[in-house]
Amino acid sequence: MPKTLSYKDELMKVIKKRKEAVAYLNVALEDGDPEVFLLALRDVAEAQGGVRGLALKSGLNRENLYRILSKKGNPELSSLHTLLEAMGLKFEIKLKKAG
């Protein structure tokens, strides 16, 4: 019987690539539920080196990052901006398609 990867392991492998991480986060944003976005952000953070690595890259306190990425996290926009920058990502506002 061939060995299979868990969903989480495969997801981590895929979203390690920034282009895939962007698509994953955008789909989470489209859901409209902030908790879904924070879950996706936690996944991307884990795939991009974990909290320790991101704390070093971003200059944010590790405890603060854990709090931001927790299930009850409610990050300030400035912290979210710093975290995304550390992952090589940024927020972007686009026009909504007419329809």
PDB file of N, CA and C in Angstrom:
ATOM      1  N   MET A   1       0.842  -1.179   0.000  1.00  0.00           N
ATOM      2  CA  MET A   1       0.000   0.000   0.000  1.00  0.00           C
ATOM      3  C   MET A   1       0.888   1.242   0.000  1.00  0.00           C
ATOM      4  N   PRO A   2       0.678   2.160  -0.959  1.00  0.00           N
ATOM      5  CA  PRO A   2       1.521   3.353  -1.023  1.00  0.00           C
ATOM      6  C   PRO A   2       1.281   4.273   0.176  1.00  0.00           C
ATOM      7  N   LYS A   3       2.354   4.915   0.599  1.00  0.00           N
ATOM      8  CA  LYS A   3       2.266   5.855   1.706  1.00  0.00           C
ATOM      9  C   LYS A   3       1.580   7.130   1.219  1.00  0.00           C
ATOM     10  N   THR A   4       0.656   7.649   2.018  1.00  0.00           N
ATOM     11  CA  THR A   4      -0.045   8.870   1.636  1.00  0.00           C
ATOM     12  C   THR A   4       0.337  10.000   2.583  1.00  0.00           C
ATOM     13  N   LEU A   5       0.277  11.204   2.052  1.00  0.00           N
ATOM     14  CA  LEU A   5       0.538  12.384   2.866  1.00  0.00           C
ATOM     15  C   LEU A   5      -0.764  12.839   3.513  1.00  0.00           C
ATOM     16  N   SER A   6      -0.648  13.391   4.689  1.00  0.00           N
ATOM     17  CA  SER A   6      -1.838  13.958   5.309  1.00  0.00           C
ATOM     18  C   SER A   6      -2.202  15.241   4.562  1.00  0.00           C
ATOM     19  N   TYR A   7      -3.447  15.642   4.710  1.00  0.00           N
ATOM     20  CA  TYR A   7      -3.906  16.890   4.088  1.00  0.00           C
ATOM     21  C   TYR A   7      -3.035  18.060   4.534  1.00  0.00           C
ATOM     22  N   LYS A   8      -2.772  18.134   5.837  1.00  0.00           N
ATOM     23  CA  LYS A   8      -1.992  19.248   6.401  1.00  0.00           C
ATOM     24  C   LYS A   8      -0.572  19.258   5.831  1.00  0.00           C
ATOM     25  N   ASP A   9       0.061  18.092   5.756  1.00  0.00           N
ATOM     26  CA  ASP A   9       1.419  18.011   5.206  1.00  0.00           C
ATOM     27  C   ASP A   9       1.455  18.486   3.753  1.00  0.00           C
ATOM     28  N   GLU A  10       0.478  18.055   2.985  1.00  0.00           N
ATOM     29  CA  GLU A  10       0.417  18.453   1.572  1.00  0.00           C
ATOM     30  C   GLU A  10       0.147  19.954   1.451  1.00  0.00           C
ATOM     31  N   LEU A  11      -0.765  20.460   2.284  1.00  0.00           N
ATOM     32  CA  LEU A  11      -1.065  21.886   2.275  1.00  0.00           C
ATOM     33  C   LEU A  11       0.182  22.703   2.592  1.00  0.00           C
ATOM     34  N   MET A  12       0.930  22.303   3.610  1.00  0.00           N
ATOM     35  CA  MET A  12       2.143  23.026   4.002  1.00  0.00           C
ATOM     36  C   MET A  12       3.145  23.064   2.851  1.00  0.00           C
ATOM     37  N   LYS A  13       3.252  21.957   2.141  1.00  0.00           N
ATOM     38  CA  LYS A  13       4.169  21.876   1.006  1.00  0.00           C
ATOM     39  C   LYS A  13       3.744  22.838  -0.110  1.00  0.00           C
ATOM     40  N   VAL A  14       2.448  22.907  -0.364  1.00  0.00           N
ATOM     41  CA  VAL A  14       1.922  23.744  -1.445  1.00  0.00           C
ATOM     42  C   VAL A  14       2.036  25.226  -1.099  1.00  0.00           C
ATOM     43  N   ILE A  15       1.599  25.624   0.103  1.00  0.00           N
ATOM     44  CA  ILE A  15       1.568  27.047   0.434  1.00  0.00           C
ATOM     45  C   ILE A  15       2.916  27.592   0.896  1.00  0.00           C
ATOM     46  N   LYS A  16       3.924  26.763   0.830  1.00  0.00           N
ATOM     47  CA  LYS A  16       5.291  27.262   1.048  1.00  0.00           C
ATOM     48  C   LYS A  16       5.677  28.177  -0.117  1.00  0.00           C
ATOM     49  N   LYS A  17       5.081  27.921  -1.275  1.00  0.00           N
ATOM     50  CA  LYS A  17       5.292  28.764  -2.452  1.00  0.00           C
ATOM     51  C   LYS A  17       4.416  30.005  -2.303  1.00  0.00           C
ATOM     52  N   ARG A  18       5.025  31.168  -2.444  1.00  0.00           N
ATOM     53  CA  ARG A  18       4.290  32.415  -2.202  1.00  0.00           C
ATOM     54  C   ARG A  18       3.078  32.584  -3.108  1.00  0.00           C
ATOM     55  N   LYS A  19       3.189  32.191  -4.363  1.00  0.00           N
ATOM     56  CA  LYS A  19       2.060  32.331  -5.288  1.00  0.00           C
ATOM     57  C   LYS A  19       0.870  31.502  -4.800  1.00  0.00           C
ATOM     58  N   GLU A  20       1.131  30.312  -4.314  1.00  0.00           N
ATOM     59  CA  GLU A  20       0.072  29.449  -3.786  1.00  0.00           C
ATOM     60  C   GLU A  20      -0.474  30.004  -2.474  1.00  0.00           C
ATOM     61  N   ALA A  21       0.409  30.575  -1.650  1.00  0.00           N
ATOM     62  CA  ALA A  21      -0.019  31.172  -0.383  1.00  0.00           C
ATOM     63  C   ALA A  21      -0.968  32.334  -0.650  1.00  0.00           C
ATOM     64  N   VAL A  22      -0.672  33.130  -1.672  1.00  0.00           N
ATOM     65  CA  VAL A  22      -1.528  34.259  -2.046  1.00  0.00           C
ATOM     66  C   VAL A  22      -2.916  33.757  -2.440  1.00  0.00           C
ATOM     67  N   ALA A  23      -2.967  32.737  -3.268  1.00  0.00           N
ATOM     68  CA  ALA A  23      -4.256  32.191  -3.703  1.00  0.00           C
ATOM     69  C   ALA A  23      -5.038  31.641  -2.514  1.00  0.00           C
ATOM     70  N   TYR A  24      -4.358  30.946  -1.619  1.00  0.00           N
ATOM     71  CA  TYR A  24      -4.982  30.363  -0.433  1.00  0.00           C
ATOM     72  C   TYR A  24      -5.568  31.465   0.461  1.00  0.00           C
ATOM     73  N   LEU A  25      -4.801  32.516   0.691  1.00  0.00           N
ATOM     74  CA  LEU A  25      -5.279  33.619   1.535  1.00  0.00           C
ATOM     75  C   LEU A  25      -6.423  34.374   0.872  1.00  0.00           C
ATOM     76  N   ASN A  26      -6.364  34.558  -0.439  1.00  0.00           N
ATOM     77  CA  ASN A  26      -7.444  35.259  -1.144  1.00  0.00           C
ATOM     78  C   ASN A  26      -8.752  34.480  -1.075  1.00  0.00           C
ATOM     79  N   VAL A  27      -8.691  33.176  -1.216  1.00  0.00           N
ATOM     80  CA  VAL A  27      -9.902  32.361  -1.099  1.00  0.00           C
ATOM     81  C   VAL A  27     -10.464  32.473   0.310  1.00  0.00           C
ATOM     82  N   ALA A  28      -9.580  32.474   1.307  1.00  0.00           N
ATOM     83  CA  ALA A  28     -10.027  32.617   2.696  1.00  0.00           C
ATOM     84  C   ALA A  28     -10.690  33.976   2.922  1.00  0.00           C
ATOM     85  N   LEU A  29     -10.146  35.025   2.328  1.00  0.00           N
ATOM     86  CA  LEU A  29     -10.742  36.360   2.443  1.00  0.00           C
ATOM     87  C   LEU A  29     -12.126  36.412   1.798  1.00  0.00           C
ATOM     88  N   GLU A  30     -12.258  35.751   0.665  1.00  0.00           N
ATOM     89  CA  GLU A  30     -13.532  35.751  -0.053  1.00  0.00           C
ATOM     90  C   GLU A  30     -14.643  35.091   0.758  1.00  0.00           C
ATOM     91  N   ASP A  31     -14.267  34.218   1.674  1.00  0.00           N
ATOM     92  CA  ASP A  31     -15.253  33.549   2.522  1.00  0.00           C
ATOM     93  C   ASP A  31     -16.042  34.559   3.362  1.00  0.00           C
ATOM     94  N   GLY A  32     -15.371  35.664   3.727  1.00  0.00           N
ATOM     95  CA  GLY A  32     -16.030  36.704   4.499  1.00  0.00           C
ATOM     96  C   GLY A  32     -16.009  36.504   6.005  1.00  0.00           C
ATOM     97  N   ASP A  33     -15.515  35.369   6.450  1.00  0.00           N
ATOM     98  CA  ASP A  33     -15.435  35.085   7.889  1.00  0.00           C
ATOM     99  C   ASP A  33     -14.005  35.346   8.352  1.00  0.00           C
ATOM    100  N   PRO A  34     -13.804  36.304   9.258  1.00  0.00           N
ATOM    101  CA  PRO A  34     -12.447  36.617   9.725  1.00  0.00           C
ATOM    102  C   PRO A  34     -11.717  35.409  10.318  1.00  0.00           C
ATOM    103  N   GLU A  35     -12.452  34.502  10.937  1.00  0.00           N
ATOM    104  CA  GLU A  35     -11.824  33.307  11.521  1.00  0.00           C
ATOM    105  C   GLU A  35     -11.225  32.410  10.437  1.00  0.00           C
ATOM    106  N   VAL A  36     -11.890  32.341   9.296  1.00  0.00           N
ATOM    107  CA  VAL A  36     -11.371  31.539   8.183  1.00  0.00           C
ATOM    108  C   VAL A  36     -10.068  32.152   7.676  1.00  0.00           C
ATOM    109  N   PHE A  37     -10.049  33.486   7.567  1.00  0.00           N
ATOM    110  CA  PHE A  37      -8.822  34.150   7.127  1.00  0.00           C
ATOM    111  C   PHE A  37      -7.687  33.929   8.128  1.00  0.00           C
ATOM    112  N   LEU A  38      -7.977  34.058   9.423  1.00  0.00           N
ATOM    113  CA  LEU A  38      -6.932  33.858  10.439  1.00  0.00           C
ATOM    114  C   LEU A  38      -6.410  32.430  10.429  1.00  0.00           C
ATOM    115  N   LEU A  39      -7.278  31.456  10.191  1.00  0.00           N
ATOM    116  CA  LEU A  39      -6.837  30.060  10.084  1.00  0.00           C
ATOM    117  C   LEU A  39      -5.894  29.909   8.896  1.00  0.00           C
ATOM    118  N   ALA A  40      -6.261  30.499   7.768  1.00  0.00           N
ATOM    119  CA  ALA A  40      -5.412  30.436   6.579  1.00  0.00           C
ATOM    120  C   ALA A  40      -4.089  31.155   6.834  1.00  0.00           C
ATOM    121  N   LEU A  41      -4.132  32.279   7.519  1.00  0.00           N
ATOM    122  CA  LEU A  41      -2.913  33.019   7.842  1.00  0.00           C
ATOM    123  C   LEU A  41      -2.003  32.199   8.746  1.00  0.00           C
ATOM    124  N   ARG A  42      -2.590  31.491   9.721  1.00  0.00           N
ATOM    125  CA  ARG A  42      -1.799  30.600  10.586  1.00  0.00           C
ATOM    126  C   ARG A  42      -1.122  29.523   9.761  1.00  0.00           C
ATOM    127  N   ASP A  43      -1.872  28.939   8.821  1.00  0.00           N
ATOM    128  CA  ASP A  43      -1.303  27.895   7.963  1.00  0.00           C
ATOM    129  C   ASP A  43      -0.130  28.430   7.152  1.00  0.00           C
ATOM    130  N   VAL A  44      -0.317  29.600   6.556  1.00  0.00           N
ATOM    131  CA  VAL A  44       0.747  30.193   5.738  1.00  0.00           C
ATOM    132  C   VAL A  44       1.952  30.535   6.609  1.00  0.00           C
ATOM    133  N   ALA A  45       1.699  31.079   7.788  1.00  0.00           N
ATOM    134  CA  ALA A  45       2.799  31.403   8.709  1.00  0.00           C
ATOM    135  C   ALA A  45       3.592  30.147   9.055  1.00  0.00           C
ATOM    136  N   GLU A  46       2.882  29.060   9.325  1.00  0.00           N
ATOM    137  CA  GLU A  46       3.549  27.793   9.643  1.00  0.00           C
ATOM    138  C   GLU A  46       4.382  27.307   8.453  1.00  0.00           C
ATOM    139  N   ALA A  47       3.809  27.388   7.268  1.00  0.00           N
ATOM    140  CA  ALA A  47       4.512  26.933   6.069  1.00  0.00           C
ATOM    141  C   ALA A  47       5.712  27.809   5.730  1.00  0.00           C
ATOM    142  N   GLN A  48       5.649  29.086   6.101  1.00  0.00           N
ATOM    143  CA  GLN A  48       6.703  30.043   5.769  1.00  0.00           C
ATOM    144  C   GLN A  48       7.782  30.137   6.838  1.00  0.00           C
ATOM    145  N   GLY A  49       7.865  29.164   7.711  1.00  0.00           N
ATOM    146  CA  GLY A  49       8.946  29.162   8.689  1.00  0.00           C
ATOM    147  C   GLY A  49       8.502  29.201  10.132  1.00  0.00           C
ATOM    148  N   GLY A  50       7.202  29.230  10.366  1.00  0.00           N
ATOM    149  CA  GLY A  50       6.691  29.214  11.723  1.00  0.00           C
ATOM    150  C   GLY A  50       6.826  30.550  12.421  1.00  0.00           C
ATOM    151  N   VAL A  51       6.294  30.600  13.623  1.00  0.00           N
ATOM    152  CA  VAL A  51       6.260  31.847  14.380  1.00  0.00           C
ATOM    153  C   VAL A  51       7.664  32.336  14.706  1.00  0.00           C
ATOM    154  N   ARG A  52       8.541  31.432  15.081  1.00  0.00           N
ATOM    155  CA  ARG A  52       9.903  31.850  15.436  1.00  0.00           C
ATOM    156  C   ARG A  52      10.601  32.525  14.248  1.00  0.00           C
ATOM    157  N   GLY A  53      10.527  31.889  13.089  1.00  0.00           N
ATOM    158  CA  GLY A  53      11.151  32.453  11.899  1.00  0.00           C
ATOM    159  C   GLY A  53      10.536  33.779  11.495  1.00  0.00           C
ATOM    160  N   LEU A  54       9.212  33.865  11.590  1.00  0.00           N
ATOM    161  CA  LEU A  54       8.537  35.115  11.234  1.00  0.00           C
ATOM    162  C   LEU A  54       8.808  36.223  12.243  1.00  0.00           C
ATOM    163  N   ALA A  55       8.979  35.848  13.503  1.00  0.00           N
ATOM    164  CA  ALA A  55       9.320  36.853  14.518  1.00  0.00           C
ATOM    165  C   ALA A  55      10.674  37.474  14.188  1.00  0.00           C
ATOM    166  N   LEU A  56      11.612  36.641  13.778  1.00  0.00           N
ATOM    167  CA  LEU A  56      12.934  37.153  13.411  1.00  0.00           C
ATOM    168  C   LEU A  56      12.864  38.054  12.180  1.00  0.00           C
ATOM    169  N   LYS A  57      12.094  37.632  11.171  1.00  0.00           N
ATOM    170  CA  LYS A  57      11.974  38.408   9.933  1.00  0.00           C
ATOM    171  C   LYS A  57      11.222  39.717  10.133  1.00  0.00           C
ATOM    172  N   SER A  58      10.173  39.670  10.956  1.00  0.00           N
ATOM    173  CA  SER A  58       9.282  40.820  11.084  1.00  0.00           C
ATOM    174  C   SER A  58       9.680  41.802  12.180  1.00  0.00           C
ATOM    175  N   GLY A  59      10.431  41.306  13.158  1.00  0.00           N
ATOM    176  CA  GLY A  59      10.764  42.148  14.300  1.00  0.00           C
ATOM    177  C   GLY A  59       9.640  42.191  15.327  1.00  0.00           C
ATOM    178  N   LEU A  60       8.572  41.422  15.088  1.00  0.00           N
ATOM    179  CA  LEU A  60       7.476  41.349  16.054  1.00  0.00           C
ATOM    180  C   LEU A  60       7.844  40.359  17.155  1.00  0.00           C
ATOM    181  N   ASN A  61       7.350  40.623  18.332  1.00  0.00           N
ATOM    182  CA  ASN A  61       7.552  39.761  19.479  1.00  0.00           C
ATOM    183  C   ASN A  61       6.881  38.405  19.224  1.00  0.00           C
ATOM    184  N   ARG A  62       7.572  37.301  19.565  1.00  0.00           N
ATOM    185  CA  ARG A  62       7.028  35.971  19.344  1.00  0.00           C
ATOM    186  C   ARG A  62       5.683  35.765  20.043  1.00  0.00           C
ATOM    187  N   GLU A  63       5.587  36.227  21.285  1.00  0.00           N
ATOM    188  CA  GLU A  63       4.331  36.086  22.024  1.00  0.00           C
ATOM    189  C   GLU A  63       3.201  36.853  21.331  1.00  0.00           C
ATOM    190  N   ASN A  64       3.532  38.036  20.800  1.00  0.00           N
ATOM    191  CA  ASN A  64       2.544  38.823  20.076  1.00  0.00           C
ATOM    192  C   ASN A  64       2.085  38.086  18.820  1.00  0.00           C
ATOM    193  N   LEU A  65       3.029  37.456  18.123  1.00  0.00           N
ATOM    194  CA  LEU A  65       2.665  36.689  16.930  1.00  0.00           C
ATOM    195  C   LEU A  65       1.765  35.513  17.283  1.00  0.00           C
ATOM    196  N   TYR A  66       2.090  34.803  18.352  1.00  0.00           N
ATOM    197  CA  TYR A  66       1.227  33.703  18.780  1.00  0.00           C
ATOM    198  C   TYR A  66      -0.182  34.211  19.068  1.00  0.00           C
ATOM    199  N   ARG A  67      -0.281  35.368  19.703  1.00  0.00           N
ATOM    200  CA  ARG A  67      -1.580  35.953  20.036  1.00  0.00           C
ATOM    201  C   ARG A  67      -2.320  36.349  18.751  1.00  0.00           C
ATOM    202  N   ILE A  68      -1.609  36.993  17.827  1.00  0.00           N
ATOM    203  CA  ILE A  68      -2.213  37.400  16.555  1.00  0.00           C
ATOM    204  C   ILE A  68      -2.769  36.191  15.806  1.00  0.00           C
ATOM    205  N   LEU A  69      -2.008  35.104  15.804  1.00  0.00           N
ATOM    206  CA  LEU A  69      -2.369  33.927  15.020  1.00  0.00           C
ATOM    207  C   LEU A  69      -3.224  32.918  15.789  1.00  0.00           C
ATOM    208  N   SER A  70      -3.570  33.233  17.029  1.00  0.00           N
ATOM    209  CA  SER A  70      -4.387  32.308  17.819  1.00  0.00           C
ATOM    210  C   SER A  70      -5.817  32.290  17.290  1.00  0.00           C
ATOM    211  N   LYS A  71      -6.596  31.302  17.721  1.00  0.00           N
ATOM    212  CA  LYS A  71      -7.989  31.197  17.286  1.00  0.00           C
ATOM    213  C   LYS A  71      -8.798  32.424  17.684  1.00  0.00           C
ATOM    214  N   LYS A  72      -8.410  33.069  18.755  1.00  0.00           N
ATOM    215  CA  LYS A  72      -9.111  34.271  19.204  1.00  0.00           C
ATOM    216  C   LYS A  72      -8.362  35.537  18.792  1.00  0.00           C
ATOM    217  N   GLY A  73      -7.410  35.383  17.886  1.00  0.00           N
ATOM    218  CA  GLY A  73      -6.608  36.519  17.449  1.00  0.00           C
ATOM    219  C   GLY A  73      -7.457  37.583  16.783  1.00  0.00           C
ATOM    220  N   ASN A  74      -7.075  38.809  17.007  1.00  0.00           N
ATOM    221  CA  ASN A  74      -7.744  39.949  16.389  1.00  0.00           C
ATOM    222  C   ASN A  74      -6.654  40.976  16.089  1.00  0.00           C
ATOM    223  N   PRO A  75      -5.824  40.684  15.081  1.00  0.00           N
ATOM    224  CA  PRO A  75      -4.661  41.531  14.841  1.00  0.00           C
ATOM    225  C   PRO A  75      -5.027  42.932  14.392  1.00  0.00           C
ATOM    226  N   GLU A  76      -4.223  43.882  14.844  1.00  0.00           N
ATOM    227  CA  GLU A  76      -4.355  45.249  14.349  1.00  0.00           C
ATOM    228  C   GLU A  76      -3.826  45.265  12.915  1.00  0.00           C
ATOM    229  N   LEU A  77      -4.302  46.204  12.151  1.00  0.00           N
ATOM    230  CA  LEU A  77      -3.899  46.298  10.752  1.00  0.00           C
ATOM    231  C   LEU A  77      -2.389  46.460  10.619  1.00  0.00           C
ATOM    232  N   SER A  78      -1.782  47.235  11.494  1.00  0.00           N
ATOM    233  CA  SER A  78      -0.332  47.443  11.412  1.00  0.00           C
ATOM    234  C   SER A  78       0.429  46.144  11.671  1.00  0.00           C
ATOM    235  N   SER A  79      -0.028  45.335  12.621  1.00  0.00           N
ATOM    236  CA  SER A  79       0.625  44.050  12.899  1.00  0.00           C
ATOM    237  C   SER A  79       0.436  43.095  11.738  1.00  0.00           C
ATOM    238  N   LEU A  80      -0.755  43.094  11.177  1.00  0.00           N
ATOM    239  CA  LEU A  80      -1.036  42.234  10.031  1.00  0.00           C
ATOM    240  C   LEU A  80      -0.171  42.634   8.844  1.00  0.00           C
ATOM    241  N   HIS A  81      -0.031  43.931   8.630  1.00  0.00           N
ATOM    242  CA  HIS A  81       0.826  44.439   7.554  1.00  0.00           C
ATOM    243  C   HIS A  81       2.273  43.965   7.752  1.00  0.00           C
ATOM    244  N   THR A  82       2.785  44.093   8.973  1.00  0.00           N
ATOM    245  CA  THR A  82       4.159  43.682   9.276  1.00  0.00           C
ATOM    246  C   THR A  82       4.336  42.189   9.066  1.00  0.00           C
ATOM    247  N   LEU A  83       3.368  41.403   9.498  1.00  0.00           N
ATOM    248  CA  LEU A  83       3.431  39.950   9.342  1.00  0.00           C
ATOM    249  C   LEU A  83       3.426  39.564   7.865  1.00  0.00           C
ATOM    250  N   LEU A  84       2.534  40.158   7.095  1.00  0.00           N
ATOM    251  CA  LEU A  84       2.485  39.866   5.658  1.00  0.00           C
ATOM    252  C   LEU A  84       3.783  40.275   4.966  1.00  0.00           C
ATOM    253  N   GLU A  85       4.326  41.418   5.343  1.00  0.00           N
ATOM    254  CA  GLU A  85       5.608  41.862   4.774  1.00  0.00           C
ATOM    255  C   GLU A  85       6.704  40.827   5.033  1.00  0.00           C
ATOM    256  N   ALA A  86       6.731  40.274   6.247  1.00  0.00           N
ATOM    257  CA  ALA A  86       7.743  39.272   6.604  1.00  0.00           C
ATOM    258  C   ALA A  86       7.593  38.004   5.764  1.00  0.00           C
ATOM    259  N   MET A  87       6.371  37.751   5.285  1.00  0.00           N
ATOM    260  CA  MET A  87       6.120  36.582   4.438  1.00  0.00           C
ATOM    261  C   MET A  87       6.272  36.921   2.958  1.00  0.00           C
ATOM    262  N   GLY A  88       6.661  38.169   2.673  1.00  0.00           N
ATOM    263  CA  GLY A  88       6.826  38.586   1.279  1.00  0.00           C
ATOM    264  C   GLY A  88       5.500  38.859   0.592  1.00  0.00           C
ATOM    265  N   LEU A  89       4.477  39.215   1.375  1.00  0.00           N
ATOM    266  CA  LEU A  89       3.141  39.459   0.846  1.00  0.00           C
ATOM    267  C   LEU A  89       2.692  40.870   1.213  1.00  0.00           C
ATOM    268  N   LYS A  90       1.575  41.319   0.609  1.00  0.00           N
ATOM    269  CA  LYS A  90       1.020  42.626   0.952  1.00  0.00           C
ATOM    270  C   LYS A  90      -0.470  42.616   0.682  1.00  0.00           C
ATOM    271  N   PHE A  91      -1.169  43.542   1.362  1.00  0.00           N
ATOM    272  CA  PHE A  91      -2.586  43.747   1.081  1.00  0.00           C
ATOM    273  C   PHE A  91      -2.720  44.525  -0.209  1.00  0.00           C
ATOM    274  N   GLU A  92      -3.800  44.277  -0.911  1.00  0.00           N
ATOM    275  CA  GLU A  92      -4.084  45.017  -2.131  1.00  0.00           C
ATOM    276  C   GLU A  92      -5.587  45.197  -2.251  1.00  0.00           C
ATOM    277  N   ILE A  93      -5.990  46.378  -2.597  1.00  0.00           N
ATOM    278  CA  ILE A  93      -7.413  46.664  -2.801  1.00  0.00           C
ATOM    279  C   ILE A  93      -7.683  46.680  -4.295  1.00  0.00           C
ATOM    280  N   LYS A  94      -8.737  45.982  -4.696  1.00  0.00           N
ATOM    281  CA  LYS A  94      -9.098  45.940  -6.114  1.00  0.00           C
ATOM    282  C   LYS A  94     -10.562  46.292  -6.263  1.00  0.00           C
ATOM    283  N   LEU A  95     -10.911  46.746  -7.453  1.00  0.00           N
ATOM    284  CA  LEU A  95     -12.310  47.001  -7.765  1.00  0.00           C
ATOM    285  C   LEU A  95     -13.050  45.683  -7.816  1.00  0.00           C
ATOM    286  N   LYS A  96     -14.246  45.684  -7.275  1.00  0.00           N
ATOM    287  CA  LYS A  96     -15.104  44.510  -7.333  1.00  0.00           C
ATOM    288  C   LYS A  96     -15.670  44.412  -8.745  1.00  0.00           C
ATOM    289  N   LYS A  97     -15.728  43.218  -9.272  1.00  0.00           N
ATOM    290  CA  LYS A  97     -16.286  43.044 -10.602  1.00  0.00           C
ATOM    291  C   LYS A  97     -17.771  43.354 -10.588  1.00  0.00           C
ATOM    292  N   ALA A  98     -18.212  44.084 -11.607  1.00  0.00           N
ATOM    293  CA  ALA A  98     -19.633  44.419 -11.706  1.00  0.00           C
ATOM    294  C   ALA A  98     -20.416  43.144 -11.955  1.00  0.00           C
ATOM    295  N   GLY A  99     -21.564  43.086 -11.391  1.00  0.00           N
ATOM    296  CA  GLY A  99     -22.331  41.876 -11.633  1.00  0.00           C
ATOM    297  C   GLY A  99     -23.487  41.804 -10.846  1.00  0.00           C
TER     298      GLY A  99
END
